[in-house]
């Protein structure tokens, strides 16, 4: 095994040891062109946490038809939501802003904050490297996933641990657990719903809660993601004084032929006009930041199907992004897990 060291041309910041926080999110391609999308999808879909099939079976399929055809469709979707002025995806923009907001909150405590992507750039290794260069000998990993899954929280932490395995001088590490019904998280979601509804020119008859999907096989093997989603939606309904009929739970982003968690978001939403439900809003509580799954899959594709089926009004309830309530949550999570490292206030 080759051990990594901090490069001598960029030495660690001298002075007292520091505490660092690394925010990690799913990932993003560097651009919308075919090769950039192909690189991103190859890294993402090669992760054994994402696709648990044998590589001997899966890799020929992935490197053949999937990575030949899918980058064009995925690239078109990214182009619809791309931040042209920054030349980056919204997920990168929002994750950076979350890190900057948290850094401001923790600056007085001398805590360094960096951010990274599990897939694409900036990579988790580079995020850890930046913290080490800033003199951090204690690092808190904060995956930006409210609900736990091996496909999200675990793989983000895996990548950090892989990097640590190659470091000669390892920092002490802590991880933030999932927070599916943390009071500040639920309060922030409820506030986002209320503020969005107050500014709509119509009153939704349904508020559909759409979470990212997961193959049922993964749940059968022990992934407790659906239980976390239930915890979130139960708490959110309670905060908004809504019931299951008014705010149904659904799952989006199904990929491949396997059966995933149900009900599926798109079919449920597209069937609503036939039931007399022509005005809907959709909230995506499993995403801390708006991304291709929220802005394009729901905001464009599901919306288009709903209107084509006879719907009249459709609204997206934004993710928390870098709203003050989101930074309040991140600060509370960080301070809770940094107890004992940070001096008491």
C-alpha atoms as a PDB file:
ATOM      1  CA  UNK A   1       0.000   0.000   0.000  1.00  0.00           C
ATOM      2  CA  UNK A   2       1.268   3.484  -0.880  1.00  0.00           C
ATOM      3  CA  UNK A   3       0.826   6.023   1.898  1.00  0.00           C
ATOM      4  CA  UNK A   4      -0.240   9.569   1.073  1.00  0.00           C
ATOM      5  CA  UNK A   5       1.435  12.570   2.600  1.00  0.00           C
ATOM      6  CA  UNK A   6       0.767  16.263   2.369  1.00  0.00           C
ATOM      7  CA  UNK A   7       2.759  17.580  -0.561  1.00  0.00           C
ATOM      8  CA  UNK A   8       5.781  19.652   0.440  1.00  0.00           C
ATOM      9  CA  UNK A   9       4.826  22.425  -2.001  1.00  0.00           C
ATOM     10  CA  UNK A  10       1.644  23.072   0.013  1.00  0.00           C
ATOM     11  CA  UNK A  11       2.483  22.431   3.666  1.00  0.00           C
ATOM     12  CA  UNK A  12      -0.057  22.243   6.437  1.00  0.00           C
ATOM     13  CA  UNK A  13      -0.939  25.482   8.159  1.00  0.00           C
ATOM     14  CA  UNK A  14       1.415  25.912  11.140  1.00  0.00           C
ATOM     15  CA  UNK A  15       0.067  26.565  14.592  1.00  0.00           C
ATOM     16  CA  UNK A  16      -2.298  24.800  16.995  1.00  0.00           C
ATOM     17  CA  UNK A  17      -4.192  21.748  15.763  1.00  0.00           C
ATOM     18  CA  UNK A  18      -7.663  22.470  14.449  1.00  0.00           C
ATOM     19  CA  UNK A  19     -11.009  20.756  14.114  1.00  0.00           C
ATOM     20  CA  UNK A  20     -12.455  20.283  10.636  1.00  0.00           C
ATOM     21  CA  UNK A  21     -15.873  19.459   9.199  1.00  0.00           C
ATOM     22  CA  UNK A  22     -16.294  17.875   5.766  1.00  0.00           C
ATOM     23  CA  UNK A  23     -19.722  18.123   4.143  1.00  0.00           C
ATOM     24  CA  UNK A  24     -20.273  15.402   1.546  1.00  0.00           C
ATOM     25  CA  UNK A  25     -22.975  15.203  -1.089  1.00  0.00           C
ATOM     26  CA  UNK A  26     -23.750  12.755  -3.875  1.00  0.00           C
ATOM     27  CA  UNK A  27     -21.929  14.194  -6.853  1.00  0.00           C
ATOM     28  CA  UNK A  28     -22.056  16.028 -10.116  1.00  0.00           C
ATOM     29  CA  UNK A  29     -20.417  15.919 -13.526  1.00  0.00           C
ATOM     30  CA  UNK A  30     -17.952  18.647 -14.480  1.00  0.00           C
ATOM     31  CA  UNK A  31     -19.959  19.571 -17.566  1.00  0.00           C
ATOM     32  CA  UNK A  32     -22.889  18.584 -19.745  1.00  0.00           C
ATOM     33  CA  UNK A  33     -20.889  17.133 -22.649  1.00  0.00           C
ATOM     34  CA  UNK A  34     -20.864  13.450 -23.529  1.00  0.00           C
ATOM     35  CA  UNK A  35     -17.435  12.629 -22.067  1.00  0.00           C
ATOM     36  CA  UNK A  36     -17.999  14.534 -18.793  1.00  0.00           C
ATOM     37  CA  UNK A  37     -21.317  12.772 -18.245  1.00  0.00           C
ATOM     38  CA  UNK A  38     -19.833   9.403 -19.185  1.00  0.00           C
ATOM     39  CA  UNK A  39     -16.995   9.795 -16.649  1.00  0.00           C
ATOM     40  CA  UNK A  40     -19.429  10.740 -13.931  1.00  0.00           C
ATOM     41  CA  UNK A  41     -21.884   7.912 -14.654  1.00  0.00           C
ATOM     42  CA  UNK A  42     -19.065   5.378 -14.879  1.00  0.00           C
ATOM     43  CA  UNK A  43     -17.798   6.331 -11.417  1.00  0.00           C
ATOM     44  CA  UNK A  44     -21.295   6.479  -9.930  1.00  0.00           C
ATOM     45  CA  UNK A  45     -22.605   3.237 -11.406  1.00  0.00           C
ATOM     46  CA  UNK A  46     -19.368   1.336 -10.694  1.00  0.00           C
ATOM     47  CA  UNK A  47     -19.832   1.814  -6.940  1.00  0.00           C
ATOM     48  CA  UNK A  48     -20.662  -1.572  -5.392  1.00  0.00           C
ATOM     49  CA  UNK A  49     -22.863   0.243  -2.852  1.00  0.00           C
ATOM     50  CA  UNK A  50     -25.007   1.522  -5.743  1.00  0.00           C
ATOM     51  CA  UNK A  51     -25.047  -1.559  -7.949  1.00  0.00           C
ATOM     52  CA  UNK A  52     -24.611  -4.696  -5.872  1.00  0.00           C
ATOM     53  CA  UNK A  53     -24.545  -7.068  -8.849  1.00  0.00           C
ATOM     54  CA  UNK A  54     -21.322  -8.942  -9.577  1.00  0.00           C
ATOM     55  CA  UNK A  55     -18.912  -6.699 -11.525  1.00  0.00           C
ATOM     56  CA  UNK A  56     -18.261  -9.605 -13.862  1.00  0.00           C
ATOM     57  CA  UNK A  57     -21.885  -9.369 -14.961  1.00  0.00           C
ATOM     58  CA  UNK A  58     -22.521  -5.657 -14.475  1.00  0.00           C
ATOM     59  CA  UNK A  59     -19.404  -4.000 -15.890  1.00  0.00           C
ATOM     60  CA  UNK A  60     -19.798  -5.275 -19.487  1.00  0.00           C
ATOM     61  CA  UNK A  61     -23.379  -3.974 -19.447  1.00  0.00           C
ATOM     62  CA  UNK A  62     -22.332  -0.661 -17.922  1.00  0.00           C
ATOM     63  CA  UNK A  63     -19.302  -0.044 -20.112  1.00  0.00           C
ATOM     64  CA  UNK A  64     -21.200  -1.205 -23.201  1.00  0.00           C
ATOM     65  CA  UNK A  65     -24.802  -0.156 -23.885  1.00  0.00           C
ATOM     66  CA  UNK A  66     -25.409   1.984 -20.784  1.00  0.00           C
ATOM     67  CA  UNK A  67     -22.389   4.266 -21.080  1.00  0.00           C
ATOM     68  CA  UNK A  68     -22.808   4.412 -24.838  1.00  0.00           C
ATOM     69  CA  UNK A  69     -26.424   5.585 -24.794  1.00  0.00           C
ATOM     70  CA  UNK A  70     -27.239   7.085 -21.398  1.00  0.00           C
ATOM     71  CA  UNK A  71     -24.771  10.033 -21.378  1.00  0.00           C
ATOM     72  CA  UNK A  72     -26.671  11.772 -24.182  1.00  0.00           C
ATOM     73  CA  UNK A  73     -29.993  11.617 -22.333  1.00  0.00           C
ATOM     74  CA  UNK A  74     -28.449  12.528 -18.991  1.00  0.00           C
ATOM     75  CA  UNK A  75     -26.473  15.356 -20.578  1.00  0.00           C
ATOM     76  CA  UNK A  76     -29.658  16.829 -22.045  1.00  0.00           C
ATOM     77  CA  UNK A  77     -31.258  16.748 -18.597  1.00  0.00           C
ATOM     78  CA  UNK A  78     -28.277  18.503 -17.020  1.00  0.00           C
ATOM     79  CA  UNK A  79     -28.327  21.176 -19.725  1.00  0.00           C
ATOM     80  CA  UNK A  80     -31.906  22.033 -18.768  1.00  0.00           C
ATOM     81  CA  UNK A  81     -30.869  22.901 -15.202  1.00  0.00           C
ATOM     82  CA  UNK A  82     -27.204  23.897 -15.569  1.00  0.00           C
ATOM     83  CA  UNK A  83     -26.092  27.163 -13.928  1.00  0.00           C
ATOM     84  CA  UNK A  84     -24.659  28.770 -17.051  1.00  0.00           C
ATOM     85  CA  UNK A  85     -23.212  31.794 -15.263  1.00  0.00           C
ATOM     86  CA  UNK A  86     -21.191  29.567 -12.914  1.00  0.00           C
ATOM     87  CA  UNK A  87     -20.768  26.733 -15.416  1.00  0.00           C
ATOM     88  CA  UNK A  88     -21.723  24.164 -12.807  1.00  0.00           C
ATOM     89  CA  UNK A  89     -24.658  22.095 -11.607  1.00  0.00           C
ATOM     90  CA  UNK A  90     -27.057  23.462  -8.971  1.00  0.00           C
ATOM     91  CA  UNK A  91     -25.950  20.736  -6.556  1.00  0.00           C
ATOM     92  CA  UNK A  92     -22.403  22.064  -6.582  1.00  0.00           C
ATOM     93  CA  UNK A  93     -23.622  25.647  -6.148  1.00  0.00           C
ATOM     94  CA  UNK A  94     -25.864  24.801  -3.191  1.00  0.00           C
ATOM     95  CA  UNK A  95     -23.404  22.466  -1.461  1.00  0.00           C
ATOM     96  CA  UNK A  96     -20.682  25.097  -1.633  1.00  0.00           C
ATOM     97  CA  UNK A  97     -23.091  27.666  -0.199  1.00  0.00           C
ATOM     98  CA  UNK A  98     -24.033  25.312   2.643  1.00  0.00           C
ATOM     99  CA  UNK A  99     -20.357  24.842   3.500  1.00  0.00           C
ATOM    100  CA  UNK A 100     -19.742  28.581   3.407  1.00  0.00           C
ATOM    101  CA  UNK A 101     -22.746  29.210   5.647  1.00  0.00           C
ATOM    102  CA  UNK A 102     -21.624  26.599   8.162  1.00  0.00           C
ATOM    103  CA  UNK A 103     -18.061  27.945   8.067  1.00  0.00           C
ATOM    104  CA  UNK A 104     -19.342  31.376   9.093  1.00  0.00           C
ATOM    105  CA  UNK A 105     -21.232  29.864  12.037  1.00  0.00           C
ATOM    106  CA  UNK A 106     -18.194  27.901  13.271  1.00  0.00           C
ATOM    107  CA  UNK A 107     -15.478  30.437  12.501  1.00  0.00           C
ATOM    108  CA  UNK A 108     -15.395  31.848  16.029  1.00  0.00           C
ATOM    109  CA  UNK A 109     -14.659  28.343  17.319  1.00  0.00           C
ATOM    110  CA  UNK A 110     -11.716  27.960  14.956  1.00  0.00           C
ATOM    111  CA  UNK A 111     -13.407  25.109  13.046  1.00  0.00           C
ATOM    112  CA  UNK A 112     -12.472  24.663   9.374  1.00  0.00           C
ATOM    113  CA  UNK A 113     -15.211  23.596   6.957  1.00  0.00           C
ATOM    114  CA  UNK A 114     -14.762  22.030   3.523  1.00  0.00           C
ATOM    115  CA  UNK A 115     -17.096  20.243   1.116  1.00  0.00           C
ATOM    116  CA  UNK A 116     -16.769  17.366  -1.320  1.00  0.00           C
ATOM    117  CA  UNK A 117     -18.678  15.074  -3.664  1.00  0.00           C
ATOM    118  CA  UNK A 118     -18.779  11.297  -3.450  1.00  0.00           C
ATOM    119  CA  UNK A 119     -18.697  11.150  -7.259  1.00  0.00           C
ATOM    120  CA  UNK A 120     -17.009  13.783  -9.383  1.00  0.00           C
ATOM    121  CA  UNK A 121     -15.208  16.852  -8.103  1.00  0.00           C
ATOM    122  CA  UNK A 122     -14.219  18.101  -5.627  1.00  0.00           C
ATOM    123  CA  UNK A 123     -13.458  14.563  -4.500  1.00  0.00           C
ATOM    124  CA  UNK A 124     -13.625  13.382  -0.908  1.00  0.00           C
ATOM    125  CA  UNK A 125      -9.854  12.817  -0.899  1.00  0.00           C
ATOM    126  CA  UNK A 126      -9.245  16.441  -1.911  1.00  0.00           C
ATOM    127  CA  UNK A 127     -11.659  17.648   0.775  1.00  0.00           C
ATOM    128  CA  UNK A 128      -9.786  15.741   3.448  1.00  0.00           C
ATOM    129  CA  UNK A 129      -6.487  16.941   2.025  1.00  0.00           C
ATOM    130  CA  UNK A 130      -7.631  20.583   2.266  1.00  0.00           C
ATOM    131  CA  UNK A 131      -8.566  20.105   5.913  1.00  0.00           C
ATOM    132  CA  UNK A 132      -5.226  18.466   6.694  1.00  0.00           C
ATOM    133  CA  UNK A 133      -3.414  21.356   5.013  1.00  0.00           C
ATOM    134  CA  UNK A 134      -5.354  23.696   7.283  1.00  0.00           C
ATOM    135  CA  UNK A 135      -3.895  21.911  10.281  1.00  0.00           C
ATOM    136  CA  UNK A 136      -6.868  19.720  11.247  1.00  0.00           C
ATOM    137  CA  UNK A 137      -6.092  16.668  13.367  1.00  0.00           C
ATOM    138  CA  UNK A 138      -9.766  15.981  14.184  1.00  0.00           C
ATOM    139  CA  UNK A 139     -12.348  15.779  11.387  1.00  0.00           C
ATOM    140  CA  UNK A 140     -16.112  15.362  11.457  1.00  0.00           C
ATOM    141  CA  UNK A 141     -17.696  13.770   8.373  1.00  0.00           C
ATOM    142  CA  UNK A 142     -21.153  15.205   7.709  1.00  0.00           C
ATOM    143  CA  UNK A 143     -22.956  13.372   4.864  1.00  0.00           C
ATOM    144  CA  UNK A 144     -25.825  15.529   3.619  1.00  0.00           C
ATOM    145  CA  UNK A 145     -28.401  12.725   3.687  1.00  0.00           C
ATOM    146  CA  UNK A 146     -31.230  13.027   6.244  1.00  0.00           C
ATOM    147  CA  UNK A 147     -32.288   9.389   5.783  1.00  0.00           C
ATOM    148  CA  UNK A 148     -29.724   6.597   6.031  1.00  0.00           C
ATOM    149  CA  UNK A 149     -28.983   4.231   3.183  1.00  0.00           C
ATOM    150  CA  UNK A 150     -25.932   2.177   2.326  1.00  0.00           C
ATOM    151  CA  UNK A 151     -26.203   3.813  -1.119  1.00  0.00           C
ATOM    152  CA  UNK A 152     -25.781   7.318   0.305  1.00  0.00           C
ATOM    153  CA  UNK A 153     -24.471   7.795   3.848  1.00  0.00           C
ATOM    154  CA  UNK A 154     -22.419   4.591   3.886  1.00  0.00           C
ATOM    155  CA  UNK A 155     -20.735   5.086   0.534  1.00  0.00           C
ATOM    156  CA  UNK A 156     -19.847   8.695   1.374  1.00  0.00           C
ATOM    157  CA  UNK A 157     -18.173   7.527   4.569  1.00  0.00           C
ATOM    158  CA  UNK A 158     -16.588   4.572   2.745  1.00  0.00           C
ATOM    159  CA  UNK A 159     -14.805   6.970   0.423  1.00  0.00           C
ATOM    160  CA  UNK A 160     -13.419   8.977   3.310  1.00  0.00           C
ATOM    161  CA  UNK A 161     -12.256   5.812   5.074  1.00  0.00           C
ATOM    162  CA  UNK A 162     -10.514   4.632   1.899  1.00  0.00           C
ATOM    163  CA  UNK A 163      -8.586   7.883   1.826  1.00  0.00           C
ATOM    164  CA  UNK A 164      -7.687   7.510   5.499  1.00  0.00           C
ATOM    165  CA  UNK A 165      -6.312   4.018   4.840  1.00  0.00           C
ATOM    166  CA  UNK A 166      -3.648   5.618   2.638  1.00  0.00           C
ATOM    167  CA  UNK A 167      -2.604   8.318   5.096  1.00  0.00           C
ATOM    168  CA  UNK A 168       0.478   7.760   7.209  1.00  0.00           C
ATOM    169  CA  UNK A 169      -0.672  10.309   9.805  1.00  0.00           C
ATOM    170  CA  UNK A 170      -4.396   9.908  10.278  1.00  0.00           C
ATOM    171  CA  UNK A 171      -6.641  12.493  11.907  1.00  0.00           C
ATOM    172  CA  UNK A 172      -9.230  11.423  14.463  1.00  0.00           C
ATOM    173  CA  UNK A 173     -12.583  10.924  12.735  1.00  0.00           C
ATOM    174  CA  UNK A 174     -16.220  11.187  13.745  1.00  0.00           C
ATOM    175  CA  UNK A 175     -19.319  10.794  11.583  1.00  0.00           C
ATOM    176  CA  UNK A 176     -22.728  12.465  11.780  1.00  0.00           C
ATOM    177  CA  UNK A 177     -25.614   9.965  11.932  1.00  0.00           C
ATOM    178  CA  UNK A 178     -28.733  10.416   9.805  1.00  0.00           C
ATOM    179  CA  UNK A 179     -31.300  12.907  11.028  1.00  0.00           C
ATOM    180  CA  UNK A 180     -34.688  11.867   9.565  1.00  0.00           C
ATOM    181  CA  UNK A 181     -36.820  13.568  12.219  1.00  0.00           C
ATOM    182  CA  UNK A 182     -34.458  16.053  13.826  1.00  0.00           C
ATOM    183  CA  UNK A 183     -36.652  18.929  15.063  1.00  0.00           C
ATOM    184  CA  UNK A 184     -34.702  21.589  13.145  1.00  0.00           C
ATOM    185  CA  UNK A 185     -34.876  19.540   9.948  1.00  0.00           C
ATOM    186  CA  UNK A 186     -38.634  19.058  10.244  1.00  0.00           C
ATOM    187  CA  UNK A 187     -39.153  22.714  11.192  1.00  0.00           C
ATOM    188  CA  UNK A 188     -37.135  23.811   8.156  1.00  0.00           C
ATOM    189  CA  UNK A 189     -39.155  21.566   5.831  1.00  0.00           C
ATOM    190  CA  UNK A 190     -42.444  22.777   7.294  1.00  0.00           C
ATOM    191  CA  UNK A 191     -41.355  26.394   6.930  1.00  0.00           C
ATOM    192  CA  UNK A 192     -40.409  25.790   3.305  1.00  0.00           C
ATOM    193  CA  UNK A 193     -43.854  24.296   2.633  1.00  0.00           C
ATOM    194  CA  UNK A 194     -45.695  27.163   4.303  1.00  0.00           C
ATOM    195  CA  UNK A 195     -43.644  29.852   2.559  1.00  0.00           C
ATOM    196  CA  UNK A 196     -44.029  28.238  -0.853  1.00  0.00           C
ATOM    197  CA  UNK A 197     -47.774  27.730  -0.496  1.00  0.00           C
ATOM    198  CA  UNK A 198     -48.251  31.309   0.702  1.00  0.00           C
ATOM    199  CA  UNK A 199     -46.687  32.593  -2.520  1.00  0.00           C
ATOM    200  CA  UNK A 200     -48.456  30.312  -4.993  1.00  0.00           C
ATOM    201  CA  UNK A 201     -51.254  31.673  -7.194  1.00  0.00           C
ATOM    202  CA  UNK A 202     -53.219  28.468  -6.525  1.00  0.00           C
ATOM    203  CA  UNK A 203     -54.073  26.186  -3.614  1.00  0.00           C
ATOM    204  CA  UNK A 204     -52.695  22.642  -4.103  1.00  0.00           C
ATOM    205  CA  UNK A 205     -55.125  19.795  -3.528  1.00  0.00           C
ATOM    206  CA  UNK A 206     -52.224  17.438  -2.785  1.00  0.00           C
ATOM    207  CA  UNK A 207     -48.672  17.899  -1.554  1.00  0.00           C
ATOM    208  CA  UNK A 208     -46.762  14.855  -2.742  1.00  0.00           C
ATOM    209  CA  UNK A 209     -43.631  13.950  -0.778  1.00  0.00           C
ATOM    210  CA  UNK A 210     -41.141  12.314  -3.141  1.00  0.00           C
ATOM    211  CA  UNK A 211     -38.049  10.524  -1.815  1.00  0.00           C
ATOM    212  CA  UNK A 212     -35.279   8.960  -3.864  1.00  0.00           C
ATOM    213  CA  UNK A 213     -36.072   5.304  -4.485  1.00  0.00           C
ATOM    214  CA  UNK A 214     -34.190   2.152  -3.520  1.00  0.00           C
ATOM    215  CA  UNK A 215     -34.371  -1.415  -4.856  1.00  0.00           C
ATOM    216  CA  UNK A 216     -36.526  -3.644  -2.657  1.00  0.00           C
ATOM    217  CA  UNK A 217     -33.719  -6.218  -2.586  1.00  0.00           C
ATOM    218  CA  UNK A 218     -31.522  -3.724  -0.731  1.00  0.00           C
ATOM    219  CA  UNK A 219     -34.214  -3.267   1.900  1.00  0.00           C
ATOM    220  CA  UNK A 220     -34.605  -7.045   2.244  1.00  0.00           C
ATOM    221  CA  UNK A 221     -30.858  -7.229   2.945  1.00  0.00           C
ATOM    222  CA  UNK A 222     -31.212  -4.831   5.845  1.00  0.00           C
ATOM    223  CA  UNK A 223     -31.128  -1.240   4.557  1.00  0.00           C
ATOM    224  CA  UNK A 224     -33.463   0.744   6.839  1.00  0.00           C
ATOM    225  CA  UNK A 225     -33.939   3.651   4.423  1.00  0.00           C
ATOM    226  CA  UNK A 226     -37.747   3.294   4.099  1.00  0.00           C
ATOM    227  CA  UNK A 227     -38.142   3.400   7.872  1.00  0.00           C
ATOM    228  CA  UNK A 228     -36.202   6.661   7.939  1.00  0.00           C
ATOM    229  CA  UNK A 229     -38.398   8.067   5.159  1.00  0.00           C
ATOM    230  CA  UNK A 230     -41.460   7.124   7.195  1.00  0.00           C
ATOM    231  CA  UNK A 231     -40.029   8.888  10.233  1.00  0.00           C
ATOM    232  CA  UNK A 232     -39.549  12.034   8.180  1.00  0.00           C
ATOM    233  CA  UNK A 233     -42.986  12.076   6.604  1.00  0.00           C
ATOM    234  CA  UNK A 234     -44.815  11.262   9.838  1.00  0.00           C
ATOM    235  CA  UNK A 235     -43.063  14.144  11.595  1.00  0.00           C
ATOM    236  CA  UNK A 236     -43.639  16.524   8.675  1.00  0.00           C
ATOM    237  CA  UNK A 237     -47.336  15.697   8.427  1.00  0.00           C
ATOM    238  CA  UNK A 238     -47.656  16.308  12.142  1.00  0.00           C
ATOM    239  CA  UNK A 239     -45.885  19.670  11.869  1.00  0.00           C
ATOM    240  CA  UNK A 240     -48.182  20.763   9.038  1.00  0.00           C
ATOM    241  CA  UNK A 241     -51.353  19.193  10.475  1.00  0.00           C
ATOM    242  CA  UNK A 242     -51.781  17.060   7.351  1.00  0.00           C
ATOM    243  CA  UNK A 243     -52.730  13.431   6.851  1.00  0.00           C
ATOM    244  CA  UNK A 244     -51.579  10.668   4.531  1.00  0.00           C
ATOM    245  CA  UNK A 245     -54.218  11.491   1.930  1.00  0.00           C
ATOM    246  CA  UNK A 246     -53.164  15.126   1.725  1.00  0.00           C
ATOM    247  CA  UNK A 247     -49.419  14.359   1.746  1.00  0.00           C
ATOM    248  CA  UNK A 248     -48.723  10.910   0.262  1.00  0.00           C
ATOM    249  CA  UNK A 249     -45.222   9.406   0.380  1.00  0.00           C
ATOM    250  CA  UNK A 250     -43.760   8.301  -2.953  1.00  0.00           C
ATOM    251  CA  UNK A 251     -40.385   7.223  -4.380  1.00  0.00           C
ATOM    252  CA  UNK A 252     -38.668   8.497  -7.529  1.00  0.00           C
ATOM    253  CA  UNK A 253     -35.595   7.806  -9.710  1.00  0.00           C
ATOM    254  CA  UNK A 254     -36.182   4.123 -10.385  1.00  0.00           C
ATOM    255  CA  UNK A 255     -33.391   2.622 -12.497  1.00  0.00           C
ATOM    256  CA  UNK A 256     -33.308  -0.754 -14.246  1.00  0.00           C
ATOM    257  CA  UNK A 257     -35.801  -3.637 -14.287  1.00  0.00           C
ATOM    258  CA  UNK A 258     -35.754  -4.512 -10.575  1.00  0.00           C
ATOM    259  CA  UNK A 259     -38.679  -3.700  -8.325  1.00  0.00           C
ATOM    260  CA  UNK A 260     -38.064  -0.599  -6.219  1.00  0.00           C
ATOM    261  CA  UNK A 261     -39.828   0.952  -3.237  1.00  0.00           C
ATOM    262  CA  UNK A 262     -43.383   1.958  -4.064  1.00  0.00           C
ATOM    263  CA  UNK A 263     -45.523   3.846  -4.810  1.00  0.00           C
ATOM    264  CA  UNK A 264     -43.554   5.377  -7.661  1.00  0.00           C
ATOM    265  CA  UNK A 265     -43.808   9.162  -7.845  1.00  0.00           C
ATOM    266  CA  UNK A 266     -44.431   9.674 -11.565  1.00  0.00           C
ATOM    267  CA  UNK A 267     -47.317   7.191 -12.008  1.00  0.00           C
ATOM    268  CA  UNK A 268     -49.021   8.423  -8.847  1.00  0.00           C
ATOM    269  CA  UNK A 269     -48.791  12.095  -9.850  1.00  0.00           C
ATOM    270  CA  UNK A 270     -49.804  11.427 -13.448  1.00  0.00           C
ATOM    271  CA  UNK A 271     -52.919   9.571 -12.264  1.00  0.00           C
ATOM    272  CA  UNK A 272     -54.172  12.435 -10.091  1.00  0.00           C
ATOM    273  CA  UNK A 273     -56.025  14.467 -12.769  1.00  0.00           C
ATOM    274  CA  UNK A 274     -58.249  11.462 -13.517  1.00  0.00           C
ATOM    275  CA  UNK A 275     -59.223  11.571  -9.823  1.00  0.00           C
ATOM    276  CA  UNK A 276     -60.134  15.248 -10.008  1.00  0.00           C
ATOM    277  CA  UNK A 277     -56.820  16.410  -8.485  1.00  0.00           C
ATOM    278  CA  UNK A 278     -55.525  19.031 -10.921  1.00  0.00           C
ATOM    279  CA  UNK A 279     -53.488  21.248  -8.594  1.00  0.00           C
ATOM    280  CA  UNK A 280     -50.448  19.736  -6.845  1.00  0.00           C
ATOM    281  CA  UNK A 281     -47.177  20.659  -5.203  1.00  0.00           C
ATOM    282  CA  UNK A 282     -44.247  18.308  -4.710  1.00  0.00           C
ATOM    283  CA  UNK A 283     -41.694  18.367  -1.889  1.00  0.00           C
ATOM    284  CA  UNK A 284     -38.549  16.234  -1.942  1.00  0.00           C
ATOM    285  CA  UNK A 285     -37.523  15.870   1.716  1.00  0.00           C
ATOM    286  CA  UNK A 286     -34.684  13.428   1.108  1.00  0.00           C
ATOM    287  CA  UNK A 287     -32.606  15.998  -0.765  1.00  0.00           C
ATOM    288  CA  UNK A 288     -30.845  18.723   1.207  1.00  0.00           C
ATOM    289  CA  UNK A 289     -30.091  20.613  -2.012  1.00  0.00           C
ATOM    290  CA  UNK A 290     -31.806  20.969  -5.359  1.00  0.00           C
ATOM    291  CA  UNK A 291     -30.242  18.825  -8.050  1.00  0.00           C
ATOM    292  CA  UNK A 292     -31.066  16.997 -11.266  1.00  0.00           C
ATOM    293  CA  UNK A 293     -33.499  14.668  -9.463  1.00  0.00           C
ATOM    294  CA  UNK A 294     -35.527  17.550  -8.051  1.00  0.00           C
ATOM    295  CA  UNK A 295     -35.249  20.217 -10.739  1.00  0.00           C
ATOM    296  CA  UNK A 296     -35.437  18.070 -13.858  1.00  0.00           C
ATOM    297  CA  UNK A 297     -36.901  14.681 -12.961  1.00  0.00           C
ATOM    298  CA  UNK A 298     -39.693  16.234 -10.896  1.00  0.00           C
ATOM    299  CA  UNK A 299     -39.681  19.846 -12.080  1.00  0.00           C
ATOM    300  CA  UNK A 300     -39.663  19.024 -15.783  1.00  0.00           C
ATOM    301  CA  UNK A 301     -40.488  15.372 -16.476  1.00  0.00           C
ATOM    302  CA  UNK A 302     -43.118  14.688 -13.804  1.00  0.00           C
ATOM    303  CA  UNK A 303     -44.614  18.140 -14.328  1.00  0.00           C
ATOM    304  CA  UNK A 304     -44.962  17.540 -18.089  1.00  0.00           C
ATOM    305  CA  UNK A 305     -46.691  14.203 -17.523  1.00  0.00           C
ATOM    306  CA  UNK A 306     -49.068  15.749 -14.994  1.00  0.00           C
ATOM    307  CA  UNK A 307     -50.056  18.571 -17.349  1.00  0.00           C
ATOM    308  CA  UNK A 308     -50.438  16.142 -20.255  1.00  0.00           C
ATOM    309  CA  UNK A 309     -52.785  14.045 -18.093  1.00  0.00           C
ATOM    310  CA  UNK A 310     -55.054  17.038 -17.468  1.00  0.00           C
ATOM    311  CA  UNK A 311     -53.427  18.791 -14.526  1.00  0.00           C
ATOM    312  CA  UNK A 312     -53.630  22.571 -14.437  1.00  0.00           C
ATOM    313  CA  UNK A 313     -51.181  23.716 -11.745  1.00  0.00           C
ATOM    314  CA  UNK A 314     -47.916  22.179 -10.557  1.00  0.00           C
ATOM    315  CA  UNK A 315     -45.360  23.598  -8.136  1.00  0.00           C
ATOM    316  CA  UNK A 316     -42.012  22.490  -6.745  1.00  0.00           C
ATOM    317  CA  UNK A 317     -41.306  23.168  -3.094  1.00  0.00           C
ATOM    318  CA  UNK A 318     -37.578  24.006  -3.069  1.00  0.00           C
ATOM    319  CA  UNK A 319     -35.078  21.966  -1.127  1.00  0.00           C
ATOM    320  CA  UNK A 320     -33.524  23.617   1.913  1.00  0.00           C
ATOM    321  CA  UNK A 321     -30.382  24.559  -0.020  1.00  0.00           C
ATOM    322  CA  UNK A 322     -28.502  27.281   1.887  1.00  0.00           C
ATOM    323  CA  UNK A 323     -31.518  28.892   3.558  1.00  0.00           C
ATOM    324  CA  UNK A 324     -30.825  30.126   7.099  1.00  0.00           C
ATOM    325  CA  UNK A 325     -32.912  27.262   8.504  1.00  0.00           C
ATOM    326  CA  UNK A 326     -30.687  24.770   6.668  1.00  0.00           C
ATOM    327  CA  UNK A 327     -27.550  26.327   8.134  1.00  0.00           C
ATOM    328  CA  UNK A 328     -29.189  26.273  11.579  1.00  0.00           C
ATOM    329  CA  UNK A 329     -29.654  22.534  11.138  1.00  0.00           C
ATOM    330  CA  UNK A 330     -26.112  21.905   9.931  1.00  0.00           C
ATOM    331  CA  UNK A 331     -24.689  23.931  12.799  1.00  0.00           C
ATOM    332  CA  UNK A 332     -26.774  22.018  15.341  1.00  0.00           C
ATOM    333  CA  UNK A 333     -25.714  18.656  13.879  1.00  0.00           C
ATOM    334  CA  UNK A 334     -22.058  19.665  13.824  1.00  0.00           C
ATOM    335  CA  UNK A 335     -22.024  21.077  17.349  1.00  0.00           C
ATOM    336  CA  UNK A 336     -23.763  18.004  18.739  1.00  0.00           C
ATOM    337  CA  UNK A 337     -21.182  15.652  17.239  1.00  0.00           C
ATOM    338  CA  UNK A 338     -18.252  17.929  18.101  1.00  0.00           C
ATOM    339  CA  UNK A 339     -19.102  17.808  21.813  1.00  0.00           C
ATOM    340  CA  UNK A 340     -15.918  17.129  23.734  1.00  0.00           C
ATOM    341  CA  UNK A 341     -13.754  18.440  20.911  1.00  0.00           C
ATOM    342  CA  UNK A 342     -15.103  21.961  21.124  1.00  0.00           C
ATOM    343  CA  UNK A 343     -14.739  23.859  24.363  1.00  0.00           C
ATOM    344  CA  UNK A 344     -18.123  24.451  26.065  1.00  0.00           C
ATOM    345  CA  UNK A 345     -19.637  27.852  25.262  1.00  0.00           C
END
